[in-house]
C-alpha atoms as a PDB file:
ATOM      1  CA  MET A   1     -50.418 104.681 -77.998  1.00  0.00           C
ATOM      2  CA  VAL A   2     -51.051 106.498 -74.739  1.00  0.00           C
ATOM      3  CA  THR A   3     -53.735 105.362 -72.343  1.00  0.00           C
ATOM      4  CA  PHE A   4     -55.458 108.490 -71.158  1.00  0.00           C
ATOM      5  CA  THR A   5     -56.762 109.041 -67.698  1.00  0.00           C
ATOM      6  CA  ALA A   6     -60.393 108.054 -67.279  1.00  0.00           C
ATOM      7  CA  GLY A   7     -63.038 109.313 -64.916  1.00  0.00           C
ATOM      8  CA  LEU A   8     -63.622 112.743 -66.422  1.00  0.00           C
ATOM      9  CA  THR A   9     -67.117 113.544 -67.595  1.00  0.00           C
ATOM     10  CA  LEU A  10     -67.794 114.106 -71.268  1.00  0.00           C
ATOM     11  CA  ALA A  11     -70.201 116.932 -71.983  1.00  0.00           C
ATOM     12  CA  SER A  12     -73.422 115.826 -73.636  1.00  0.00           C
ATOM     13  CA  ALA A  13     -73.222 115.745 -77.405  1.00  0.00           C
ATOM     14  CA  GLY A  14     -75.491 117.776 -79.628  1.00  0.00           C
ATOM     15  CA  THR A  15     -76.147 117.903 -83.337  1.00  0.00           C
ATOM     16  CA  ALA A  16     -73.773 119.787 -85.564  1.00  0.00           C
ATOM     17  CA  SER A  17     -74.952 123.153 -86.823  1.00  0.00           C
ATOM     18  CA  VAL A  18     -73.833 125.572 -89.466  1.00  0.00           C
ATOM     19  CA  ALA A  19     -74.469 129.217 -88.681  1.00  0.00           C
ATOM     20  CA  THR A  20     -74.649 132.128 -91.089  1.00  0.00           C
ATOM     21  CA  PRO A  21     -70.942 132.761 -91.719  1.00  0.00           C
ATOM     22  CA  ALA A  22     -69.401 136.129 -90.903  1.00  0.00           C
ATOM     23  CA  TRP A  23     -66.728 135.452 -93.530  1.00  0.00           C
ATOM     24  CA  ARG A  24     -69.360 135.775 -96.268  1.00  0.00           C
ATOM     25  CA  ALA A  25     -68.431 139.485 -96.387  1.00  0.00           C
ATOM     26  CA  LEU A  26     -64.995 138.451 -97.706  1.00  0.00           C
ATOM     27  CA  GLN A  27     -66.708 137.317-100.923  1.00  0.00           C
ATOM     28  CA  ASN A  28     -64.186 134.771-102.125  1.00  0.00           C
ATOM     29  CA  HIS A  29     -65.665 133.542-105.396  1.00  0.00           C
ATOM     30  CA  ASP A  30     -62.530 131.706-106.548  1.00  0.00           C
ATOM     31  CA  PRO A  31     -62.524 128.018-105.531  1.00  0.00           C
ATOM     32  CA  SER A  32     -58.776 127.760-106.151  1.00  0.00           C
ATOM     33  CA  ARG A  33     -58.180 130.293-103.348  1.00  0.00           C
ATOM     34  CA  ALA A  34     -60.017 128.193-100.755  1.00  0.00           C
ATOM     35  CA  ARG A  35     -57.388 126.546 -98.543  1.00  0.00           C
ATOM     36  CA  LEU A  36     -57.875 123.022 -97.196  1.00  0.00           C
ATOM     37  CA  VAL A  37     -55.997 123.140 -93.894  1.00  0.00           C
ATOM     38  CA  THR A  38     -54.988 119.795 -92.357  1.00  0.00           C
ATOM     39  CA  SER A  39     -51.988 120.845 -90.231  1.00  0.00           C
ATOM     40  CA  ASP A  40     -53.842 120.252 -86.950  1.00  0.00           C
ATOM     41  CA  ILE A  41     -54.228 116.516 -87.625  1.00  0.00           C
ATOM     42  CA  PRO A  42     -50.572 115.434 -87.205  1.00  0.00           C
ATOM     43  CA  ASN A  43     -50.281 117.708 -84.159  1.00  0.00           C
ATOM     44  CA  PHE A  44     -53.125 115.799 -82.506  1.00  0.00           C
ATOM     45  CA  TRP A  45     -51.447 112.431 -83.103  1.00  0.00           C
ATOM     46  CA  ARG A  46     -48.110 113.623 -81.749  1.00  0.00           C
ATOM     47  CA  VAL A  47     -49.859 114.354 -78.465  1.00  0.00           C
ATOM     48  CA  PHE A  48     -51.777 111.087 -78.613  1.00  0.00           C
ATOM     49  CA  ASP A  49     -48.475 109.196 -78.853  1.00  0.00           C
ATOM     50  CA  ARG A  50     -46.546 111.042 -76.161  1.00  0.00           C
ATOM     51  CA  ALA A  51     -48.963 112.286 -73.523  1.00  0.00           C
ATOM     52  CA  SER A  52     -48.535 110.823 -70.048  1.00  0.00           C
ATOM     53  CA  LEU A  53     -51.279 109.100 -68.145  1.00  0.00           C
ATOM     54  CA  THR A  54     -51.877 112.076 -65.875  1.00  0.00           C
ATOM     55  CA  GLY A  55     -50.764 114.896 -68.173  1.00  0.00           C
ATOM     56  CA  ALA A  56     -52.935 114.392 -71.253  1.00  0.00           C
ATOM     57  CA  ALA A  57     -55.005 117.535 -70.781  1.00  0.00           C
ATOM     58  CA  GLU A  58     -51.905 119.698 -70.350  1.00  0.00           C
ATOM     59  CA  SER A  59     -50.244 118.120 -73.382  1.00  0.00           C
ATOM     60  CA  PHE A  60     -53.296 118.599 -75.562  1.00  0.00           C
ATOM     61  CA  GLN A  61     -53.452 122.240 -74.491  1.00  0.00           C
ATOM     62  CA  ARG A  62     -49.760 123.007 -75.017  1.00  0.00           C
ATOM     63  CA  GLU A  63     -48.946 120.921 -78.088  1.00  0.00           C
ATOM     64  CA  TYR A  64     -52.246 120.732 -79.958  1.00  0.00           C
ATOM     65  CA  LEU A  65     -54.623 123.530 -79.051  1.00  0.00           C
ATOM     66  CA  ASP A  66     -52.133 126.343 -78.393  1.00  0.00           C
ATOM     67  CA  ARG A  67     -50.251 125.509 -81.612  1.00  0.00           C
ATOM     68  CA  GLY A  68     -53.405 125.119 -83.633  1.00  0.00           C
ATOM     69  CA  SER A  69     -54.669 126.845 -86.734  1.00  0.00           C
ATOM     70  CA  PRO A  70     -57.186 129.696 -86.540  1.00  0.00           C
ATOM     71  CA  GLY A  71     -59.846 127.137 -87.383  1.00  0.00           C
ATOM     72  CA  LEU A  72     -58.876 124.904 -84.456  1.00  0.00           C
ATOM     73  CA  HIS A  73     -58.916 127.906 -82.114  1.00  0.00           C
ATOM     74  CA  ASP A  74     -62.456 128.656 -83.281  1.00  0.00           C
ATOM     75  CA  PHE A  75     -63.456 125.001 -82.895  1.00  0.00           C
ATOM     76  CA  LEU A  76     -62.022 125.022 -79.383  1.00  0.00           C
ATOM     77  CA  SER A  77     -64.259 127.848 -78.245  1.00  0.00           C
ATOM     78  CA  ALA A  78     -67.332 126.621 -80.118  1.00  0.00           C
ATOM     79  CA  ARG A  79     -67.139 122.839 -79.682  1.00  0.00           C
ATOM     80  CA  ILE A  80     -64.131 121.382 -77.815  1.00  0.00           C
ATOM     81  CA  GLN A  81     -64.349 123.907 -74.961  1.00  0.00           C
ATOM     82  CA  SER A  82     -61.308 122.708 -73.038  1.00  0.00           C
ATOM     83  CA  SER A  83     -58.288 120.405 -73.187  1.00  0.00           C
ATOM     84  CA  ARG A  84     -59.638 118.604 -70.132  1.00  0.00           C
ATOM     85  CA  LEU A  85     -62.825 117.618 -71.940  1.00  0.00           C
ATOM     86  CA  LEU A  86     -60.860 116.602 -75.027  1.00  0.00           C
ATOM     87  CA  ALA A  87     -58.566 114.364 -72.959  1.00  0.00           C
ATOM     88  CA  ALA A  88     -61.584 112.849 -71.222  1.00  0.00           C
ATOM     89  CA  THR A  89     -63.245 112.014 -74.528  1.00  0.00           C
ATOM     90  CA  VAL A  90     -60.152 110.275 -75.870  1.00  0.00           C
ATOM     91  CA  ALA A  91     -59.675 108.441 -72.563  1.00  0.00           C
ATOM     92  CA  MET A  92     -63.131 106.938 -72.881  1.00  0.00           C
ATOM     93  CA  ARG A  93     -62.624 105.878 -76.526  1.00  0.00           C
ATOM     94  CA  PRO A  94     -58.929 104.997 -76.957  1.00  0.00           C
ATOM     95  CA  ARG A  95     -59.421 102.146 -79.423  1.00  0.00           C
ATOM     96  CA  TYR A  96     -61.768 104.163 -81.606  1.00  0.00           C
ATOM     97  CA  TYR A  97     -59.349 107.086 -81.827  1.00  0.00           C
ATOM     98  CA  ALA A  98     -56.406 104.770 -82.495  1.00  0.00           C
ATOM     99  CA  ALA A  99     -58.340 103.038 -85.267  1.00  0.00           C
ATOM    100  CA  ILE A 100     -59.082 106.262 -87.173  1.00  0.00           C
ATOM    101  CA  ARG A 101     -55.490 107.479 -87.032  1.00  0.00           C
ATOM    102  CA  ASN A 102     -54.406 106.397 -90.522  1.00  0.00           C
ATOM    103  CA  ASN A 103     -57.643 107.576 -92.106  1.00  0.00           C
ATOM    104  CA  THR A 104     -57.271 111.045 -90.606  1.00  0.00           C
ATOM    105  CA  LEU A 105     -53.571 111.303 -91.437  1.00  0.00           C
ATOM    106  CA  ALA A 106     -54.390 110.474 -95.058  1.00  0.00           C
ATOM    107  CA  LEU A 107     -56.189 113.811 -95.246  1.00  0.00           C
ATOM    108  CA  ASP A 108     -52.883 115.507 -94.469  1.00  0.00           C
ATOM    109  CA  THR A 109     -50.564 113.341 -96.550  1.00  0.00           C
ATOM    110  CA  SER A 110     -52.613 112.212 -99.546  1.00  0.00           C
ATOM    111  CA  ALA A 111     -53.651 114.497-102.378  1.00  0.00           C
ATOM    112  CA  ALA A 112     -56.680 112.376-103.266  1.00  0.00           C
ATOM    113  CA  PHE A 113     -59.082 113.831-100.683  1.00  0.00           C
ATOM    114  CA  LYS A 114     -58.043 117.412-101.294  1.00  0.00           C
ATOM    115  CA  ASP A 115     -58.238 116.959-105.053  1.00  0.00           C
ATOM    116  CA  ALA A 116     -61.769 115.556-104.738  1.00  0.00           C
ATOM    117  CA  ILE A 117     -62.877 118.475-102.565  1.00  0.00           C
ATOM    118  CA  HIS A 118     -61.314 121.093-104.831  1.00  0.00           C
ATOM    119  CA  ALA A 119     -62.949 119.421-107.840  1.00  0.00           C
ATOM    120  CA  ALA A 120     -66.345 119.676-106.129  1.00  0.00           C
ATOM    121  CA  PHE A 121     -65.719 123.360-105.416  1.00  0.00           C
ATOM    122  CA  GLY A 122     -64.916 123.890-109.083  1.00  0.00           C
ATOM    123  CA  ARG A 123     -68.124 122.166-110.189  1.00  0.00           C
ATOM    124  CA  LEU A 124     -70.177 124.404-107.913  1.00  0.00           C
ATOM    125  CA  LYS A 125     -68.476 127.423-109.474  1.00  0.00           C
ATOM    126  CA  ALA A 126     -69.524 126.156-112.914  1.00  0.00           C
ATOM    127  CA  PHE A 127     -73.140 126.058-111.770  1.00  0.00           C
ATOM    128  CA  ASP A 128     -73.108 129.337-109.841  1.00  0.00           C
ATOM    129  CA  ASP A 129     -70.523 131.994-110.599  1.00  0.00           C
ATOM    130  CA  GLU A 130     -71.492 133.886-107.432  1.00  0.00           C
ATOM    131  CA  ALA A 131     -70.866 130.946-105.101  1.00  0.00           C
ATOM    132  CA  VAL A 132     -68.664 131.668-102.086  1.00  0.00           C
ATOM    133  CA  PHE A 133     -65.752 129.391-101.176  1.00  0.00           C
ATOM    134  CA  PRO A 134     -64.366 129.400 -97.635  1.00  0.00           C
ATOM    135  CA  ASP A 135     -61.175 127.963 -96.275  1.00  0.00           C
ATOM    136  CA  VAL A 136     -61.836 124.517 -94.785  1.00  0.00           C
ATOM    137  CA  TYR A 137     -60.134 123.440 -91.555  1.00  0.00           C
ATOM    138  CA  PHE A 138     -59.957 119.737 -90.707  1.00  0.00           C
ATOM    139  CA  VAL A 139     -59.553 119.277 -86.958  1.00  0.00           C
ATOM    140  CA  ILE A 140     -59.931 116.489 -84.400  1.00  0.00           C
ATOM    141  CA  GLY A 141     -62.347 117.191 -81.585  1.00  0.00           C
ATOM    142  CA  ARG A 142     -64.285 115.421 -78.890  1.00  0.00           C
ATOM    143  CA  MET A 143     -67.087 113.590 -80.703  1.00  0.00           C
ATOM    144  CA  ASN A 144     -69.707 116.301 -80.399  1.00  0.00           C
ATOM    145  CA  SER A 145     -69.687 118.097 -83.759  1.00  0.00           C
ATOM    146  CA  ALA A 146     -69.195 117.052 -87.369  1.00  0.00           C
ATOM    147  CA  GLY A 147     -68.851 120.644 -88.444  1.00  0.00           C
ATOM    148  CA  THR A 148     -69.620 124.303 -87.962  1.00  0.00           C
ATOM    149  CA  THR A 149     -68.474 127.668 -89.312  1.00  0.00           C
ATOM    150  CA  SER A 150     -66.595 130.660 -87.983  1.00  0.00           C
ATOM    151  CA  SER A 151     -65.223 133.905 -89.339  1.00  0.00           C
ATOM    152  CA  ASN A 152     -62.237 131.873 -90.583  1.00  0.00           C
ATOM    153  CA  GLY A 153     -64.229 129.382 -92.644  1.00  0.00           C
ATOM    154  CA  LEU A 154     -65.712 125.919 -92.499  1.00  0.00           C
ATOM    155  CA  LEU A 155     -64.618 123.695 -89.593  1.00  0.00           C
ATOM    156  CA  ILE A 156     -64.854 119.905 -89.980  1.00  0.00           C
ATOM    157  CA  GLY A 157     -64.624 117.570 -86.971  1.00  0.00           C
ATOM    158  CA  VAL A 158     -62.691 114.764 -88.650  1.00  0.00           C
ATOM    159  CA  GLU A 159     -63.145 112.228 -85.846  1.00  0.00           C
ATOM    160  CA  MET A 160     -66.878 112.259 -86.644  1.00  0.00           C
ATOM    161  CA  ASN A 161     -66.214 111.414 -90.297  1.00  0.00           C
ATOM    162  CA  ALA A 162     -63.308 108.937 -90.221  1.00  0.00           C
ATOM    163  CA  ARG A 163     -64.690 105.410 -89.899  1.00  0.00           C
ATOM    164  CA  ASP A 164     -64.167 102.546 -92.295  1.00  0.00           C
ATOM    165  CA  GLY A 165     -65.389  98.952 -92.310  1.00  0.00           C
ATOM    166  CA  GLU A 166     -62.782  97.882 -89.738  1.00  0.00           C
ATOM    167  CA  THR A 167     -63.284 100.654 -87.171  1.00  0.00           C
ATOM    168  CA  PRO A 168     -64.368  99.355 -83.727  1.00  0.00           C
ATOM    169  CA  VAL A 169     -67.435 101.157 -82.431  1.00  0.00           C
ATOM    170  CA  ASP A 170     -68.135  99.331 -79.159  1.00  0.00           C
ATOM    171  CA  GLU A 171     -66.731 102.263 -77.133  1.00  0.00           C
ATOM    172  CA  LEU A 172     -69.130 104.716 -78.779  1.00  0.00           C
ATOM    173  CA  THR A 173     -72.514 105.743 -77.463  1.00  0.00           C
ATOM    174  CA  ALA A 174     -75.612 104.848 -79.479  1.00  0.00           C
ATOM    175  CA  TRP A 175     -75.789 108.455 -80.706  1.00  0.00           C
ATOM    176  CA  GLU A 176     -72.145 108.395 -81.781  1.00  0.00           C
ATOM    177  CA  ARG A 177     -72.585 105.123 -83.643  1.00  0.00           C
ATOM    178  CA  ALA A 178     -75.574 106.606 -85.453  1.00  0.00           C
ATOM    179  CA  VAL A 179     -73.944 109.869 -86.526  1.00  0.00           C
ATOM    180  CA  THR A 180     -70.283 109.059 -87.213  1.00  0.00           C
ATOM    181  CA  GLY A 181     -69.563 108.715 -90.922  1.00  0.00           C
ATOM    182  CA  LEU A 182     -67.191 106.959 -93.283  1.00  0.00           C
ATOM    183  CA  ILE A 183     -63.922 108.549 -94.326  1.00  0.00           C
ATOM    184  CA  SER A 184     -64.823 107.808 -97.958  1.00  0.00           C
ATOM    185  CA  ASP A 185     -67.808 110.142 -97.593  1.00  0.00           C
ATOM    186  CA  LEU A 186     -65.792 113.106 -96.355  1.00  0.00           C
ATOM    187  CA  PRO A 187     -65.685 114.934 -99.725  1.00  0.00           C
ATOM    188  CA  HIS A 188     -69.480 114.580 -99.895  1.00  0.00           C
ATOM    189  CA  ILE A 189     -69.831 115.935 -96.358  1.00  0.00           C
ATOM    190  CA  VAL A 190     -67.681 118.963 -97.166  1.00  0.00           C
ATOM    191  CA  ALA A 191     -69.745 119.522-100.314  1.00  0.00           C
ATOM    192  CA  HIS A 192     -72.971 119.289 -98.279  1.00  0.00           C
ATOM    193  CA  GLU A 193     -71.754 121.911 -95.821  1.00  0.00           C
ATOM    194  CA  LEU A 194     -70.474 124.100 -98.654  1.00  0.00           C
ATOM    195  CA  VAL A 195     -73.995 124.137-100.097  1.00  0.00           C
ATOM    196  CA  HIS A 196     -75.423 125.199 -96.734  1.00  0.00           C
ATOM    197  CA  LEU A 197     -73.111 128.194 -96.800  1.00  0.00           C
ATOM    198  CA  GLN A 198     -74.662 129.386-100.063  1.00  0.00           C
ATOM    199  CA  GLN A 199     -78.223 129.180 -98.773  1.00  0.00           C
ATOM    200  CA  PRO A 200     -80.053 132.212 -97.401  1.00  0.00           C
ATOM    201  CA  ALA A 201     -80.451 132.265 -93.643  1.00  0.00           C
ATOM    202  CA  PRO A 202     -83.900 130.991 -92.670  1.00  0.00           C
ATOM    203  CA  GLY A 203     -86.255 133.687 -91.454  1.00  0.00           C
ATOM    204  CA  GLY A 204     -88.684 133.323 -88.593  1.00  0.00           C
ATOM    205  CA  THR A 205     -89.503 129.826 -87.399  1.00  0.00           C
ATOM    206  CA  PRO A 206     -88.836 127.344 -90.199  1.00  0.00           C
ATOM    207  CA  THR A 207     -91.384 124.656 -90.964  1.00  0.00           C
ATOM    208  CA  LEU A 208     -90.606 120.994 -91.468  1.00  0.00           C
ATOM    209  CA  LEU A 209     -90.850 121.609 -95.214  1.00  0.00           C
ATOM    210  CA  ASP A 210     -88.382 124.506 -94.957  1.00  0.00           C
ATOM    211  CA  GLN A 211     -85.880 122.373 -93.061  1.00  0.00           C
ATOM    212  CA  ALA A 212     -86.301 119.291 -95.238  1.00  0.00           C
ATOM    213  CA  LEU A 213     -85.761 121.363 -98.382  1.00  0.00           C
ATOM    214  CA  ARG A 214     -82.680 122.975 -96.882  1.00  0.00           C
ATOM    215  CA  GLU A 215     -81.095 119.620 -96.038  1.00  0.00           C
ATOM    216  CA  GLY A 216     -82.327 117.907 -99.179  1.00  0.00           C
ATOM    217  CA  ALA A 217     -80.936 120.699-101.348  1.00  0.00           C
ATOM    218  CA  ALA A 218     -77.548 120.308 -99.659  1.00  0.00           C
ATOM    219  CA  ASP A 219     -77.593 116.561-100.373  1.00  0.00           C
ATOM    220  CA  PHE A 220     -78.814 116.972-103.950  1.00  0.00           C
ATOM    221  CA  VAL A 221     -76.316 119.649-104.983  1.00  0.00           C
ATOM    222  CA  ALA A 222     -73.538 117.883-103.061  1.00  0.00           C
ATOM    223  CA  GLU A 223     -74.198 114.816-105.198  1.00  0.00           C
ATOM    224  CA  LEU A 224     -74.060 116.897-108.387  1.00  0.00           C
ATOM    225  CA  ILE A 225     -70.695 118.400-107.487  1.00  0.00           C
ATOM    226  CA  SER A 226     -68.983 115.606-105.501  1.00  0.00           C
ATOM    227  CA  GLY A 227     -70.534 112.465-106.965  1.00  0.00           C
ATOM    228  CA  GLY A 228     -72.372 111.321-103.868  1.00  0.00           C
ATOM    229  CA  HIS A 229     -73.936 112.022-100.499  1.00  0.00           C
ATOM    230  CA  ASN A 230     -73.765 110.251 -97.154  1.00  0.00           C
ATOM    231  CA  ASN A 231     -77.459 109.385 -96.726  1.00  0.00           C
ATOM    232  CA  ARG A 232     -77.534 106.201 -98.788  1.00  0.00           C
ATOM    233  CA  LEU A 233     -79.499 104.189 -96.206  1.00  0.00           C
ATOM    234  CA  GLN A 234     -82.277 106.807 -96.275  1.00  0.00           C
ATOM    235  CA  HIS A 235     -82.455 106.549-100.067  1.00  0.00           C
ATOM    236  CA  VAL A 236     -82.650 102.764-100.102  1.00  0.00           C
ATOM    237  CA  TYR A 237     -85.551 102.869 -97.657  1.00  0.00           C
ATOM    238  CA  GLY A 238     -87.127 105.935 -99.242  1.00  0.00           C
ATOM    239  CA  ASP A 239     -87.133 104.531-102.758  1.00  0.00           C
ATOM    240  CA  ALA A 240     -88.967 101.471-101.466  1.00  0.00           C
ATOM    241  CA  HIS A 241     -91.548 103.522 -99.512  1.00  0.00           C
ATOM    242  CA  GLU A 242     -91.697 106.815-101.390  1.00  0.00           C
ATOM    243  CA  ARG A 243     -95.472 107.152-101.757  1.00  0.00           C
ATOM    244  CA  GLU A 244     -96.328 106.363 -98.149  1.00  0.00           C
ATOM    245  CA  LEU A 245     -93.508 108.565 -96.852  1.00  0.00           C
ATOM    246  CA  TRP A 246     -94.795 111.478 -98.899  1.00  0.00           C
ATOM    247  CA  GLU A 247     -98.355 110.991 -97.675  1.00  0.00           C
ATOM    248  CA  GLU A 248     -97.081 110.926 -94.089  1.00  0.00           C
ATOM    249  CA  PHE A 249     -94.826 113.936 -94.627  1.00  0.00           C
ATOM    250  CA  THR A 250     -97.580 116.121 -96.105  1.00  0.00           C
ATOM    251  CA  LYS A 251     -99.626 115.786 -92.927  1.00  0.00           C
ATOM    252  CA  SER A 252     -96.991 117.609 -90.856  1.00  0.00           C
ATOM    253  CA  MET A 253     -94.837 119.513 -93.351  1.00  0.00           C
ATOM    254  CA  ASN A 254     -96.360 122.918 -92.551  1.00  0.00           C
ATOM    255  CA  GLY A 255     -95.732 122.544 -88.833  1.00  0.00           C
ATOM    256  CA  THR A 256     -92.490 123.165 -86.971  1.00  0.00           C
ATOM    257  CA  ASP A 257     -91.973 119.739 -85.358  1.00  0.00           C
ATOM    258  CA  VAL A 258     -89.064 118.065 -87.161  1.00  0.00           C
ATOM    259  CA  SER A 259     -88.407 115.392 -84.547  1.00  0.00           C
ATOM    260  CA  HIS A 260     -89.775 112.510 -86.644  1.00  0.00           C
ATOM    261  CA  TRP A 261     -87.960 113.520 -89.820  1.00  0.00           C
ATOM    262  CA  LEU A 262     -84.679 115.311 -89.072  1.00  0.00           C
ATOM    263  CA  TYR A 263     -81.732 115.279 -86.641  1.00  0.00           C
ATOM    264  CA  GLN A 264     -82.906 112.083 -84.938  1.00  0.00           C
ATOM    265  CA  GLY A 265     -79.568 110.426 -84.236  1.00  0.00           C
ATOM    266  CA  ASP A 266     -80.326 107.072 -82.595  1.00  0.00           C
ATOM    267  CA  ARG A 267     -83.952 107.894 -81.724  1.00  0.00           C
ATOM    268  CA  ALA A 268     -85.449 106.311 -84.853  1.00  0.00           C
ATOM    269  CA  THR A 269     -86.269 102.664 -84.181  1.00  0.00           C
ATOM    270  CA  ASP A 270     -88.499 101.219 -86.904  1.00  0.00           C
ATOM    271  CA  ARG A 271     -86.906 102.877 -89.955  1.00  0.00           C
ATOM    272  CA  PRO A 272     -83.814 104.928 -90.824  1.00  0.00           C
ATOM    273  CA  ALA A 273     -83.425 108.284 -89.115  1.00  0.00           C
ATOM    274  CA  ASP A 274     -83.600 111.614 -90.929  1.00  0.00           C
ATOM    275  CA  LEU A 275     -85.870 110.678 -93.819  1.00  0.00           C
ATOM    276  CA  GLY A 276     -86.635 114.382 -94.225  1.00  0.00           C
ATOM    277  CA  TYR A 277     -83.308 114.585 -96.074  1.00  0.00           C
ATOM    278  CA  TYR A 278     -84.695 112.089 -98.585  1.00  0.00           C
ATOM    279  CA  ILE A 279     -87.963 113.983 -99.051  1.00  0.00           C
ATOM    280  CA  GLY A 280     -86.140 117.277 -99.556  1.00  0.00           C
ATOM    281  CA  TYR A 281     -83.757 115.624-102.018  1.00  0.00           C
ATOM    282  CA  LYS A 282     -86.633 114.214-104.073  1.00  0.00           C
ATOM    283  CA  ILE A 283     -88.338 117.607-104.298  1.00  0.00           C
ATOM    284  CA  CYS A 284     -85.088 119.206-105.482  1.00  0.00           C
ATOM    285  CA  GLU A 285     -84.517 116.362-107.937  1.00  0.00           C
ATOM    286  CA  ALA A 286     -87.977 116.924-109.392  1.00  0.00           C
ATOM    287  CA  TYR A 287     -87.320 120.657-109.718  1.00  0.00           C
ATOM    288  CA  TYR A 288     -83.983 120.026-111.434  1.00  0.00           C
ATOM    289  CA  ARG A 289     -85.468 117.573-113.902  1.00  0.00           C
ATOM    290  CA  ARG A 290     -88.231 119.959-114.935  1.00  0.00           C
ATOM    291  CA  GLU A 291     -85.847 122.864-115.603  1.00  0.00           C
ATOM    292  CA  ALA A 292     -84.192 122.851-119.029  1.00  0.00           C
ATOM    293  CA  ASP A 293     -81.363 125.168-117.927  1.00  0.00           C
ATOM    294  CA  LYS A 294     -79.580 123.023-115.323  1.00  0.00           C
ATOM    295  CA  SER A 295     -77.286 125.784-114.055  1.00  0.00           C
ATOM    296  CA  ARG A 296     -80.312 127.977-113.480  1.00  0.00           C
ATOM    297  CA  ALA A 297     -82.018 125.103-111.679  1.00  0.00           C
ATOM    298  CA  VAL A 298     -79.043 124.668-109.339  1.00  0.00           C
ATOM    299  CA  ARG A 299     -78.950 128.388-108.571  1.00  0.00           C
ATOM    300  CA  GLN A 300     -82.664 128.348-107.776  1.00  0.00           C
ATOM    301  CA  ILE A 301     -82.214 125.304-105.527  1.00  0.00           C
ATOM    302  CA  LEU A 302     -79.302 126.987-103.727  1.00  0.00           C
ATOM    303  CA  HIS A 303     -81.077 130.273-103.159  1.00  0.00           C
ATOM    304  CA  ALA A 304     -84.679 129.132-102.838  1.00  0.00           C
ATOM    305  CA  ASN A 305     -86.985 131.283-100.750  1.00  0.00           C
ATOM    306  CA  GLY A 306     -90.534 130.174-100.112  1.00  0.00           C
ATOM    307  CA  ALA A 307     -90.707 126.429 -99.568  1.00  0.00           C
ATOM    308  CA  GLU A 308     -94.366 126.033-100.544  1.00  0.00           C
ATOM    309  CA  GLU A 309     -93.883 127.812-103.867  1.00  0.00           C
ATOM    310  CA  PHE A 310     -90.715 125.824-104.566  1.00  0.00           C
ATOM    311  CA  LEU A 311     -92.593 122.592-103.907  1.00  0.00           C
ATOM    312  CA  ARG A 312     -95.424 123.649-106.220  1.00  0.00           C
ATOM    313  CA  ARG A 313     -93.013 124.503-109.020  1.00  0.00           C
ATOM    314  CA  SER A 314     -91.155 121.218-108.603  1.00  0.00           C
ATOM    315  CA  GLY A 315     -94.228 119.212-109.495  1.00  0.00           C
ATOM    316  CA  TYR A 316     -93.263 116.607-106.918  1.00  0.00           C
ATOM    317  CA  SER A 317     -96.130 114.505-105.602  1.00  0.00           C
ATOM    318  CA  GLY A 318     -94.528 111.477-104.044  1.00  0.00           C
ATOM    319  CA  GLY A 319     -93.582 109.565-107.148  1.00  0.00           C
ATOM    320  CA  THR A 320     -91.824 109.891-110.474  1.00  0.00           C
ATOM    321  CA  PRO A 321     -91.455 113.614-111.259  1.00  0.00           C
ATOM    322  CA  ARG A 322     -93.530 114.767-114.195  1.00  0.00           C
ATOM    323  CA  GLN A 323     -91.520 115.930-117.197  1.00  0.00           C
ATOM    324  CA  LYS A 324     -92.287 119.037-119.193  1.00  0.00           C
END
């Protein structure tokens, strides 16, 4: 393992975002045509093994970034920014990167992850025949984005989603410890982002309710198609405090301040961060349970417009959803 040169400044990390994808115009409705591209992962580790102490940035540029897939090139401009910043990030976290090596390489060498993701794509197709399926590029970046989109498809920052129970995290910042995920959750994360790509772009300034429903819908449908989601801690806490959370949420849900409910990272201190995901999930769950035609319910959850009307029709009121 190379020891990279230290002393370079890492750009401040921000939350991952998924923009309205330009590739939507391609209209790929066949999940079997969506490629899962992992070729950039072994290229990264070849550089990691061979780069010299002073030449890491040049090696990453020449042997990883320049040789990369279209998805990596897009991720470079949108998130990595430069080989120098990438080398600096790895230099500051060498044991973390080394520890996730086998987990990331498994994405390239093992069929299990790809099979799970393709199966989730197929289940979404069964719910919604008009669903769009992008290519998915799995790349290794500099700890500042779990994913985004480009005209080439969905881009997943694998280093943000590659931990297991043995991964050392002492080199990570508090924000990084809060937002990095388990490798076992990666199919759920891809499913979550796939759902976002089906949703209509929000218009105007979204309210807290709008945003919570958007994220909760992605978690709920991701669970239907992939078998899980990656917000288990929020659900354990939420199930134990559902009524009081709902009463608190209703007081601010029509405003635009999401800072106490979404995208909190390590800022939440007295309870789990991002409980807005839980609230949105519960509203979608209530809607799904009340609808006899489950495929129709999923399509309405995916393409919902008008958060207040959706909430009303769900019948959710902070407890067990009422059945028809």
